[in-house]
C-alpha cells in the first residue's frame, strides 16, 4: 500500500520562506568582529578577576587598616572606626562579588565566542550571546539601581533643604 500525501506547493514554499527568514547569515566580517570582541572581553575579564582578587585582599586586611588608621589619626577622627573591621570586610567582599560576576560572564562569553567562530559551532554562539545578554542585563539593572539611589539622595536633600528653610 502506498502512502499518498497531498502536497500543496504553496504550503511548501511558505514554509521554506519562513525558514529562510529565520536563518541568520554570519559573514566573515561578522565572524572577525565576534572574534575580536572575544579577545577584548577575555582581557577585560582577566583584569576584572585580578581587581576582584585585590578587593578580597583589601577586604581581609580591613581590620589591620582600621587599627593602623586609628593609631595614626586617632579613633575620634576616623569615620571608618565606628563601622569596624568586620563590617568593612563584609562590605568590601560584597563589592568584590558584585565585580566578579560580570567578569565571569565576560570570560564565559569570550570562551564560547572563540569556539563558535573558530569551529563554526552554532550552540557555542548561542551560549556566547546568552552570556553577553546576561552581562548587559546585569549592568543595566545595576545602573537602574544606582540611578534610583541618586534620585533618592537628591529627593532627601531637597526635603532636608525645604525643612531646614521652613524651620529657620
N, C-alpha and C. Protein backbone atom coordinates (compact mmCIF):
# COMPACT_ATOMS: atom_id res chain seq x y z
N UNK A 1 0.82 -1.17 0.00
CA UNK A 1 0.00 0.00 0.00
C UNK A 1 0.87 1.24 0.00
N UNK A 2 0.47 2.12 -0.80
CA UNK A 2 1.23 3.35 -0.91
C UNK A 2 0.69 4.39 0.05
N UNK A 3 1.61 5.14 0.56
CA UNK A 3 1.23 6.24 1.42
C UNK A 3 1.22 7.49 0.55
N UNK A 4 0.07 7.94 0.24
CA UNK A 4 -0.08 9.08 -0.66
C UNK A 4 -0.44 10.31 0.16
N UNK A 5 0.39 11.31 0.05
CA UNK A 5 0.10 12.58 0.72
C UNK A 5 -0.08 13.63 -0.34
N UNK A 6 -1.00 14.48 -0.07
CA UNK A 6 -1.19 15.59 -0.99
C UNK A 6 -0.26 16.72 -0.58
N UNK A 7 0.57 17.11 -1.47
CA UNK A 7 1.47 18.23 -1.20
C UNK A 7 0.95 19.48 -1.87
N UNK A 8 0.75 20.45 -1.08
CA UNK A 8 0.32 21.74 -1.59
C UNK A 8 1.58 22.58 -1.83
N UNK A 9 1.90 22.90 -3.07
CA UNK A 9 3.12 23.65 -3.35
C UNK A 9 3.18 25.00 -2.67
N UNK A 10 2.03 25.64 -2.44
CA UNK A 10 2.03 26.93 -1.78
C UNK A 10 2.46 26.81 -0.32
N UNK A 11 2.04 25.70 0.36
CA UNK A 11 2.43 25.49 1.75
C UNK A 11 3.93 25.25 1.84
N UNK A 12 4.47 24.48 0.94
CA UNK A 12 5.91 24.19 0.97
C UNK A 12 6.74 25.45 0.75
N UNK A 13 6.34 26.29 -0.16
CA UNK A 13 7.13 27.50 -0.42
C UNK A 13 7.02 28.48 0.75
N UNK A 14 5.85 28.57 1.39
CA UNK A 14 5.74 29.49 2.52
C UNK A 14 6.54 28.98 3.71
N UNK A 15 6.57 27.67 3.91
CA UNK A 15 7.38 27.10 4.99
C UNK A 15 8.86 27.32 4.69
N UNK A 16 9.23 27.17 3.44
CA UNK A 16 10.61 27.37 3.04
C UNK A 16 11.01 28.85 3.21
N UNK A 17 10.10 29.76 2.88
CA UNK A 17 10.38 31.18 3.03
C UNK A 17 10.53 31.55 4.50
N UNK A 18 9.69 30.94 5.37
CA UNK A 18 9.81 31.21 6.80
C UNK A 18 11.16 30.74 7.32
N UNK A 19 11.59 29.56 6.87
CA UNK A 19 12.88 29.03 7.30
C UNK A 19 14.01 29.95 6.83
N UNK A 20 13.90 30.49 5.63
CA UNK A 20 14.91 31.40 5.13
C UNK A 20 14.93 32.70 5.91
N UNK A 21 13.75 33.18 6.32
CA UNK A 21 13.68 34.43 7.07
C UNK A 21 14.28 34.25 8.46
N UNK A 22 14.19 33.06 9.06
CA UNK A 22 14.72 32.82 10.38
C UNK A 22 16.21 32.53 10.36
N UNK A 23 16.76 32.22 9.21
CA UNK A 23 18.18 31.90 9.10
C UNK A 23 19.00 33.17 9.22
N UNK A 24 20.00 33.11 10.07
CA UNK A 24 20.89 34.24 10.26
C UNK A 24 22.19 33.91 9.56
N UNK A 25 22.63 34.80 8.72
CA UNK A 25 23.85 34.58 7.98
C UNK A 25 24.98 35.33 8.67
N UNK A 26 26.03 34.60 9.01
CA UNK A 26 27.18 35.20 9.66
C UNK A 26 28.31 35.26 8.64
N UNK A 27 28.61 36.47 8.21
CA UNK A 27 29.66 36.66 7.20
C UNK A 27 31.03 36.63 7.86
N UNK A 28 32.06 36.66 7.05
CA UNK A 28 33.43 36.66 7.57
C UNK A 28 33.70 37.94 8.37
N UNK A 29 33.11 39.04 7.95
CA UNK A 29 33.27 40.29 8.71
C UNK A 29 32.68 40.13 10.10
N UNK A 30 31.48 39.58 10.18
CA UNK A 30 30.82 39.39 11.47
C UNK A 30 31.63 38.43 12.34
N UNK A 31 32.15 37.36 11.73
CA UNK A 31 32.98 36.41 12.48
C UNK A 31 34.22 37.11 13.05
N UNK A 32 34.82 37.99 12.26
CA UNK A 32 36.02 38.68 12.75
C UNK A 32 35.66 39.66 13.87
N UNK A 33 34.48 40.29 13.78
CA UNK A 33 34.04 41.18 14.85
C UNK A 33 33.81 40.40 16.14
N UNK A 34 33.16 39.26 16.02
CA UNK A 34 32.91 38.42 17.21
C UNK A 34 34.23 37.95 17.80
N UNK A 35 35.15 37.53 16.96
CA UNK A 35 36.44 37.04 17.43
C UNK A 35 37.23 38.14 18.13
N UNK A 36 37.22 39.33 17.55
CA UNK A 36 37.94 40.45 18.17
C UNK A 36 37.28 40.86 19.49
N UNK A 37 35.95 40.89 19.52
CA UNK A 37 35.28 41.23 20.77
C UNK A 37 35.53 40.16 21.83
N UNK A 38 35.69 38.92 21.41
CA UNK A 38 36.00 37.84 22.36
C UNK A 38 37.39 38.04 22.96
N UNK A 39 38.34 38.49 22.15
CA UNK A 39 39.69 38.74 22.68
C UNK A 39 39.67 39.88 23.69
N UNK A 40 38.98 40.97 23.36
CA UNK A 40 38.91 42.10 24.29
C UNK A 40 38.14 41.74 25.55
N UNK A 41 37.08 40.97 25.40
CA UNK A 41 36.31 40.60 26.60
C UNK A 41 37.12 39.66 27.49
N UNK A 42 37.96 38.82 26.89
CA UNK A 42 38.83 37.96 27.71
C UNK A 42 39.82 38.83 28.49
N UNK A 43 40.40 39.83 27.83
CA UNK A 43 41.32 40.75 28.51
C UNK A 43 40.61 41.46 29.67
N UNK A 44 39.42 42.01 29.39
CA UNK A 44 38.67 42.73 30.43
C UNK A 44 38.27 41.80 31.58
N UNK A 45 37.92 40.55 31.26
CA UNK A 45 37.54 39.62 32.32
C UNK A 45 38.73 39.27 33.19
N UNK A 46 39.90 39.10 32.60
CA UNK A 46 41.09 38.79 33.40
C UNK A 46 41.46 39.98 34.29
N UNK A 47 41.38 41.19 33.76
CA UNK A 47 41.61 42.38 34.58
C UNK A 47 40.58 42.43 35.71
N UNK A 48 39.34 42.10 35.41
CA UNK A 48 38.30 42.06 36.44
C UNK A 48 38.59 41.04 37.52
N UNK A 49 39.09 39.86 37.13
CA UNK A 49 39.44 38.84 38.12
C UNK A 49 40.58 39.32 39.02
N UNK A 50 41.58 39.96 38.42
CA UNK A 50 42.71 40.47 39.20
C UNK A 50 42.25 41.55 40.18
N UNK A 51 41.43 42.48 39.70
CA UNK A 51 40.91 43.53 40.59
C UNK A 51 40.04 42.95 41.69
N UNK A 52 39.27 41.92 41.36
CA UNK A 52 38.46 41.25 42.38
C UNK A 52 39.36 40.63 43.44
N UNK A 53 40.46 40.02 43.00
CA UNK A 53 41.42 39.45 43.96
C UNK A 53 41.99 40.51 44.87
N UNK A 54 42.35 41.68 44.30
CA UNK A 54 42.85 42.78 45.13
C UNK A 54 41.79 43.25 46.12
N UNK A 55 40.54 43.31 45.67
CA UNK A 55 39.46 43.74 46.56
C UNK A 55 39.29 42.76 47.72
N UNK A 56 39.42 41.48 47.44
CA UNK A 56 39.31 40.47 48.50
C UNK A 56 40.47 40.60 49.48
N UNK A 57 41.69 40.83 48.96
CA UNK A 57 42.84 41.03 49.85
C UNK A 57 42.64 42.25 50.75
N UNK A 58 42.17 43.33 50.18
CA UNK A 58 41.92 44.54 50.97
C UNK A 58 40.81 44.29 51.97
N UNK A 59 39.80 43.52 51.58
CA UNK A 59 38.69 43.24 52.49
C UNK A 59 39.18 42.49 53.72
N UNK A 60 40.04 41.51 53.50
CA UNK A 60 40.53 40.74 54.66
C UNK A 60 41.59 41.49 55.44
N UNK A 61 42.09 42.60 54.89
CA UNK A 61 43.05 43.44 55.59
C UNK A 61 42.36 44.63 56.26
N UNK A 62 41.07 44.70 56.17
CA UNK A 62 40.33 45.88 56.66
C UNK A 62 40.55 46.11 58.15
N UNK A 63 40.58 45.04 58.93
CA UNK A 63 40.80 45.20 60.37
C UNK A 63 42.14 45.85 60.66
N UNK A 64 43.18 45.39 59.98
CA UNK A 64 44.51 45.96 60.18
C UNK A 64 44.56 47.40 59.69
N UNK A 65 43.89 47.68 58.59
CA UNK A 65 43.88 49.04 58.05
C UNK A 65 43.18 49.99 59.01
N UNK A 66 42.06 49.54 59.57
CA UNK A 66 41.30 50.38 60.52
C UNK A 66 42.14 50.66 61.76
N UNK A 67 42.79 49.63 62.32
CA UNK A 67 43.58 49.85 63.53
C UNK A 67 44.79 50.74 63.25
N UNK A 68 45.40 50.62 62.08
CA UNK A 68 46.52 51.49 61.72
C UNK A 68 46.05 52.93 61.58
N UNK A 69 44.89 53.12 60.94
CA UNK A 69 44.34 54.47 60.80
C UNK A 69 44.01 55.07 62.17
N UNK A 70 43.49 54.23 63.07
CA UNK A 70 43.15 54.72 64.40
C UNK A 70 44.39 55.18 65.15
N UNK A 71 45.49 54.44 65.00
CA UNK A 71 46.71 54.81 65.71
C UNK A 71 47.34 56.07 65.11
N UNK A 72 47.12 56.31 63.82
CA UNK A 72 47.72 57.48 63.17
C UNK A 72 46.92 58.76 63.41
N UNK A 73 45.61 58.69 63.25
CA UNK A 73 44.80 59.91 63.34
C UNK A 73 43.91 59.94 64.58
N UNK A 74 43.87 58.86 65.30
CA UNK A 74 43.00 58.80 66.47
C UNK A 74 41.63 58.29 66.09
N UNK A 75 41.05 57.55 67.00
CA UNK A 75 39.76 56.90 66.72
C UNK A 75 38.64 57.91 66.50
N UNK A 76 38.73 59.05 67.18
CA UNK A 76 37.67 60.05 67.05
C UNK A 76 37.66 60.69 65.66
N UNK A 77 38.81 60.75 65.01
CA UNK A 77 38.89 61.40 63.69
C UNK A 77 38.74 60.42 62.54
N UNK A 78 38.60 59.15 62.82
CA UNK A 78 38.49 58.13 61.78
C UNK A 78 37.02 57.76 61.57
N UNK A 79 36.42 58.13 60.44
CA UNK A 79 35.00 57.84 60.23
C UNK A 79 34.72 56.34 60.08
N UNK A 80 35.72 55.55 59.70
CA UNK A 80 35.52 54.12 59.50
C UNK A 80 35.65 53.33 60.80
N UNK A 81 36.15 53.98 61.85
CA UNK A 81 36.34 53.28 63.12
C UNK A 81 35.01 52.81 63.70
N UNK A 82 33.97 53.59 63.49
CA UNK A 82 32.66 53.22 64.01
C UNK A 82 32.10 51.99 63.30
N UNK A 83 32.43 51.83 62.03
CA UNK A 83 31.99 50.65 61.29
C UNK A 83 32.67 49.40 61.82
N UNK A 84 33.95 49.49 62.04
CA UNK A 84 34.71 48.33 62.48
C UNK A 84 35.24 47.55 61.30
N UNK A 85 36.26 46.76 61.57
CA UNK A 85 36.90 45.98 60.52
C UNK A 85 35.99 44.92 59.93
N UNK A 86 35.16 44.30 60.76
CA UNK A 86 34.28 43.23 60.28
C UNK A 86 33.24 43.73 59.28
N UNK A 87 32.62 44.85 59.61
CA UNK A 87 31.60 45.41 58.71
C UNK A 87 32.23 45.87 57.41
N UNK A 88 33.42 46.48 57.50
CA UNK A 88 34.11 46.92 56.30
C UNK A 88 34.53 45.73 55.44
N UNK A 89 34.92 44.62 56.09
CA UNK A 89 35.27 43.40 55.35
C UNK A 89 34.06 42.87 54.59
N UNK A 90 32.93 42.82 55.23
CA UNK A 90 31.71 42.33 54.57
C UNK A 90 31.32 43.23 53.41
N UNK A 91 31.39 44.53 53.60
CA UNK A 91 31.03 45.47 52.54
C UNK A 91 31.98 45.31 51.35
N UNK A 92 33.28 45.21 51.62
CA UNK A 92 34.26 45.05 50.54
C UNK A 92 34.08 43.72 49.82
N UNK A 93 33.74 42.65 50.55
CA UNK A 93 33.51 41.35 49.91
C UNK A 93 32.27 41.39 49.02
N UNK A 94 31.25 42.13 49.44
CA UNK A 94 30.06 42.28 48.61
C UNK A 94 30.39 43.03 47.31
N UNK A 95 31.21 44.07 47.42
CA UNK A 95 31.62 44.79 46.22
C UNK A 95 32.49 43.91 45.32
N UNK A 96 33.33 43.07 45.92
CA UNK A 96 34.16 42.16 45.14
C UNK A 96 33.28 41.16 44.39
N UNK A 97 32.27 40.65 45.07
CA UNK A 97 31.34 39.72 44.42
C UNK A 97 30.57 40.42 43.31
N UNK A 98 30.19 41.65 43.54
CA UNK A 98 29.48 42.44 42.53
C UNK A 98 30.36 42.68 41.31
N UNK A 99 31.66 42.76 41.49
CA UNK A 99 32.58 42.97 40.39
C UNK A 99 32.99 41.66 39.73
N UNK A 100 32.97 40.57 40.50
CA UNK A 100 33.38 39.27 39.97
C UNK A 100 32.37 38.72 38.96
N UNK A 101 31.08 38.87 39.24
CA UNK A 101 30.05 38.27 38.39
C UNK A 101 30.11 38.74 36.93
N UNK A 102 30.18 40.05 36.66
CA UNK A 102 30.28 40.45 35.25
C UNK A 102 31.59 40.00 34.60
N UNK A 103 32.65 39.92 35.38
CA UNK A 103 33.92 39.42 34.84
C UNK A 103 33.78 37.96 34.43
N UNK A 104 33.06 37.19 35.23
CA UNK A 104 32.83 35.79 34.91
C UNK A 104 31.97 35.66 33.65
N UNK A 105 30.96 36.49 33.53
CA UNK A 105 30.13 36.46 32.32
C UNK A 105 30.95 36.81 31.08
N UNK A 106 31.82 37.80 31.19
CA UNK A 106 32.67 38.17 30.06
C UNK A 106 33.62 37.02 29.69
N UNK A 107 34.16 36.35 30.69
CA UNK A 107 35.07 35.24 30.42
C UNK A 107 34.35 34.10 29.71
N UNK A 108 33.13 33.79 30.19
CA UNK A 108 32.35 32.72 29.55
C UNK A 108 31.96 33.11 28.13
N UNK A 109 31.61 34.37 27.92
CA UNK A 109 31.30 34.85 26.57
C UNK A 109 32.52 34.67 25.67
N UNK A 110 33.66 35.10 26.16
CA UNK A 110 34.88 35.04 25.37
C UNK A 110 35.20 33.61 24.94
N UNK A 111 35.13 32.69 25.88
CA UNK A 111 35.45 31.29 25.56
C UNK A 111 34.48 30.71 24.54
N UNK A 112 33.20 30.93 24.76
CA UNK A 112 32.19 30.38 23.86
C UNK A 112 32.24 31.05 22.48
N UNK A 113 32.48 32.36 22.45
CA UNK A 113 32.53 33.07 21.17
C UNK A 113 33.72 32.62 20.34
N UNK A 114 34.87 32.42 20.98
CA UNK A 114 36.04 31.95 20.23
C UNK A 114 35.80 30.57 19.65
N UNK A 115 35.21 29.68 20.44
CA UNK A 115 34.91 28.34 19.93
C UNK A 115 33.91 28.41 18.78
N UNK A 116 32.91 29.26 18.92
CA UNK A 116 31.88 29.38 17.89
C UNK A 116 32.48 29.87 16.57
N UNK A 117 33.36 30.85 16.65
CA UNK A 117 33.96 31.42 15.44
C UNK A 117 34.97 30.46 14.82
N UNK A 118 35.81 29.87 15.66
CA UNK A 118 36.87 29.01 15.13
C UNK A 118 36.34 27.71 14.54
N UNK A 119 35.30 27.14 15.17
CA UNK A 119 34.80 25.84 14.73
C UNK A 119 33.44 25.91 14.05
N UNK A 120 32.89 27.11 13.88
CA UNK A 120 31.58 27.25 13.25
C UNK A 120 30.50 26.55 14.05
N UNK A 121 30.59 26.67 15.36
CA UNK A 121 29.72 25.93 16.28
C UNK A 121 28.54 26.80 16.71
N UNK A 122 27.36 26.48 16.20
CA UNK A 122 26.14 27.24 16.49
C UNK A 122 25.77 27.21 17.98
N UNK A 123 25.82 26.04 18.65
CA UNK A 123 25.48 26.03 20.09
C UNK A 123 26.39 26.94 20.92
N UNK A 124 27.69 26.98 20.60
CA UNK A 124 28.58 27.87 21.34
C UNK A 124 28.27 29.33 21.06
N UNK A 125 27.84 29.64 19.86
CA UNK A 125 27.44 31.01 19.55
C UNK A 125 26.21 31.39 20.37
N UNK A 126 25.29 30.45 20.51
CA UNK A 126 24.10 30.70 21.33
C UNK A 126 24.49 30.93 22.80
N UNK A 127 25.42 30.14 23.31
CA UNK A 127 25.90 30.32 24.69
C UNK A 127 26.57 31.68 24.83
N UNK A 128 27.41 32.03 23.86
CA UNK A 128 28.11 33.32 23.91
C UNK A 128 27.12 34.48 23.94
N UNK A 129 26.13 34.43 23.07
CA UNK A 129 25.15 35.52 23.04
C UNK A 129 24.31 35.56 24.32
N UNK A 130 24.06 34.39 24.90
CA UNK A 130 23.34 34.32 26.17
C UNK A 130 24.14 34.99 27.29
N UNK A 131 25.45 34.73 27.32
CA UNK A 131 26.30 35.34 28.35
C UNK A 131 26.41 36.85 28.13
N UNK A 132 26.48 37.26 26.87
CA UNK A 132 26.55 38.69 26.58
C UNK A 132 25.25 39.38 27.00
N UNK A 133 24.12 38.72 26.75
CA UNK A 133 22.83 39.27 27.17
C UNK A 133 22.79 39.40 28.69
N UNK A 134 23.25 38.39 29.39
CA UNK A 134 23.26 38.43 30.85
C UNK A 134 24.18 39.52 31.37
N UNK A 135 25.31 39.71 30.71
CA UNK A 135 26.25 40.76 31.09
C UNK A 135 25.58 42.14 31.01
N UNK A 136 24.97 42.42 29.86
CA UNK A 136 24.34 43.73 29.69
C UNK A 136 23.11 43.89 30.57
N UNK A 137 22.38 42.82 30.79
CA UNK A 137 21.21 42.88 31.68
C UNK A 137 21.66 43.20 33.10
N UNK A 138 22.75 42.56 33.55
CA UNK A 138 23.30 42.81 34.89
C UNK A 138 23.68 44.28 35.05
N UNK A 139 24.48 44.81 34.10
CA UNK A 139 24.90 46.19 34.20
C UNK A 139 23.73 47.16 34.03
N UNK A 140 22.74 46.79 33.23
CA UNK A 140 21.55 47.63 33.09
C UNK A 140 20.78 47.73 34.40
N UNK A 141 20.57 46.59 35.04
CA UNK A 141 19.85 46.58 36.33
C UNK A 141 20.66 47.34 37.37
N UNK A 142 21.97 47.13 37.40
CA UNK A 142 22.82 47.84 38.35
C UNK A 142 22.79 49.34 38.11
N UNK A 143 22.73 49.75 36.86
CA UNK A 143 22.63 51.17 36.52
C UNK A 143 21.30 51.75 36.99
N UNK A 144 20.22 51.00 36.79
CA UNK A 144 18.91 51.46 37.25
C UNK A 144 18.89 51.61 38.76
N UNK A 145 19.46 50.64 39.47
CA UNK A 145 19.52 50.71 40.94
C UNK A 145 20.35 51.93 41.37
N UNK A 146 21.49 52.15 40.70
CA UNK A 146 22.32 53.31 41.02
C UNK A 146 21.61 54.62 40.78
N UNK A 147 20.91 54.72 39.65
CA UNK A 147 20.15 55.93 39.35
C UNK A 147 19.02 56.13 40.37
N UNK A 148 18.43 55.03 40.81
CA UNK A 148 17.39 55.12 41.84
C UNK A 148 17.95 55.67 43.15
N UNK A 149 19.15 55.19 43.53
CA UNK A 149 19.78 55.71 44.75
C UNK A 149 20.10 57.19 44.60
N UNK A 150 20.62 57.59 43.44
CA UNK A 150 20.89 59.01 43.22
C UNK A 150 19.62 59.83 43.32
N UNK A 151 18.55 59.32 42.76
CA UNK A 151 17.27 60.03 42.83
C UNK A 151 16.79 60.16 44.28
N UNK A 152 16.93 59.10 45.06
CA UNK A 152 16.55 59.17 46.47
C UNK A 152 17.41 60.16 47.24
N UNK A 153 18.71 60.17 46.96
CA UNK A 153 19.60 61.11 47.65
C UNK A 153 19.21 62.55 47.31
N UNK A 154 18.95 62.81 46.03
CA UNK A 154 18.54 64.16 45.62
C UNK A 154 17.21 64.52 46.27
N UNK A 155 16.28 63.58 46.31
CA UNK A 155 14.97 63.83 46.93
C UNK A 155 15.12 64.13 48.42
N UNK A 156 15.94 63.34 49.12
CA UNK A 156 16.15 63.60 50.55
C UNK A 156 16.87 64.93 50.77
N UNK A 157 17.79 65.30 49.88
CA UNK A 157 18.49 66.58 50.01
C UNK A 157 17.51 67.74 49.83
N UNK A 158 16.61 67.61 48.87
CA UNK A 158 15.60 68.66 48.63
C UNK A 158 14.67 68.76 49.82
N UNK A 159 14.23 67.62 50.34
CA UNK A 159 13.33 67.62 51.51
C UNK A 159 14.04 68.21 52.72
N UNK A 160 15.32 67.86 52.93
CA UNK A 160 16.07 68.40 54.06
C UNK A 160 16.26 69.90 53.90
N UNK A 161 16.50 70.36 52.69
CA UNK A 161 16.66 71.79 52.45
C UNK A 161 15.37 72.53 52.69
N UNK A 162 14.27 71.98 52.24
CA UNK A 162 12.97 72.63 52.46
C UNK A 162 12.62 72.67 53.94
N UNK A 163 12.85 71.55 54.64
CA UNK A 163 12.52 71.53 56.06
C UNK A 163 13.46 72.43 56.86
N UNK A 164 14.70 72.58 56.42
CA UNK A 164 15.63 73.50 57.12
C UNK A 164 15.21 74.94 56.88
N UNK A 165 14.74 75.26 55.69
CA UNK A 165 14.33 76.64 55.41
C UNK A 165 13.01 76.97 56.10
N UNK A 166 12.13 75.98 56.28
CA UNK A 166 10.86 76.21 56.98
C UNK A 166 11.12 76.40 58.46
N UNK A 167 12.05 75.63 59.02
CA UNK A 167 12.36 75.72 60.46
C UNK A 167 13.07 77.02 60.79
N UNK A 168 13.74 77.61 59.83
CA UNK A 168 14.50 78.84 60.11
C UNK A 168 13.66 80.05 60.10
